[in-house]
């Protein structure tokens, strides 16, 4: 429609809807064509949010557009734009399509499932045309889809276990939101753990650094020392895509080491979705959750059992020997292969996952750990199914599945070792409780004859428990949470509790034998009644 108060013909051409919205409602975005009134001198298409469908916004986007500048004329043009949109929607002359405002899994009204990686929709066909959010246009998935299944299978046969685990996590991350929407209680970050110089960062970049910016740089990669706002921004915007937080390294300084451990624990909780991300907009705040799959590379283990259960561990014990062909282009094509298959078989695949969770063979008491590792195994198995659909022999499928099982067993063993170490730091009770438990459970080799005390741990003497100092200290240090106890600390704590019978000033031990038995060693003479009164189970 030609406008008498501007130098162009402005036409609303397309209406874009969020996939879950009714196509009979007003759209979220519109595409407007602005063409010279002189027919062919210039033309431009502009995409605008519905609330920005105004002449003023069109003038900012289209520098050739001129109007009279009068307020009344601008208001008239604005009204004409809205009327044209409403008339076109009513007469069905405006093309309707989908506006895709986030990356990752997208469920369309016709029950189809697609994956949006930058502007690339996987699979690339859709029942309607679509428009991607501008913030997705500068990101592309590595690779071009040309890698054959034979190459993929060969690479999987040679890849080290940490690489298989990381790949499986990338695949699992790509369908993360669908699992959560299906009610599966999956919540895990990937924790690549190993010493300096073993190749943790190389592993993470080559396997998970599959999204690239305009200049080919890896996006979704930040340093652990980056600002929390920058890290959290990626966690929110990289929906169903991996985010690498690199280099949680050890430090000689105690305070720096403490801060890095606290940073690691915080990232684990936020990445698992247990802690909200709070964004401030002026005087208002909004809470959201992590939408990405978080990968941490770290030189130190976690110090909290709850945080540990939120992790899928990737132990790196020796320098990794990754082939040059194991790179983002290969992993990008693996992801395409997986997602193309998954889009057609997602209901079947989710059924397999439900069965795997119901009949889990992972021997672990923590339900969250079982769920996370079962989901990881499932993602890899579904990827293998996509290769079988391309022509891979089932026997090869079984071989690769067995390799993945071994990798998962390695990760689980590392988890169990770390958990056992953490359990040893958790006290079961106070000092009197531990000594009483040792006495009741016959942890001490006691004698009934004081003359034989030098060949035993102690004796019950006149209703008091008498124990040789080194024997008691060795026993206490074996108790969870007491590994750092010293002889002096042990002595002072027993004295403070008034649990010791003392005979000499400045001495916590006593002789219970007569002088002619001088070979009998000195002991702590501990009042059993005092222990019972002071004992507390934690």
Foldseek 3Di string as FASTA:
>chain_A
DDDPFKQWDKAFAAAAAAQVDDLLDHGQKTKMKTGGPVPDPDIDIDIDGPVPQFPVVVCVVDVVIDGPPDPVSRVVVSVVSVVNSVVCSVVVVHFYYHEAEAFAWDQHPVRFIWGHQLNQIFVRDDPGDYDYDPVSPFKDFAADLPDALVVVLVQLVPFDLLLLLLLLLLLLLRCVVVCVVVVQLAFAAAEEEAAPPQCPVVSCCFRQQGMAGNVRHRPLEEELPDDPVVNVVCQARVASGEHEHEDLEADPDPVVRVVSLVSVLVCLCQRRFNDWDWDDDPPDIDTDGGRGHYYYYYHDDHQDLVSLLRYQYRYRYHRGDRDPVSGSNSSSSLSSLLRNQCSVCVVVLVVVLVVCLVDPPDPDPDSNNSSHLSSSLSSVLSSLVSSVVSPDDVVSSVVSSVSNVVSSVVRVVVSVVVVVVSQLQDAFWDPLQQVVVCVVVVVWFEDDDLLCQVVGQFYQDPQWTWGAQVSSLVSQCRHRNRVPDDSVNVLVVQVVLVFFDDDDPPDQWDDPDDPVSVVRDTTTGGRNVSSVVPIDTD
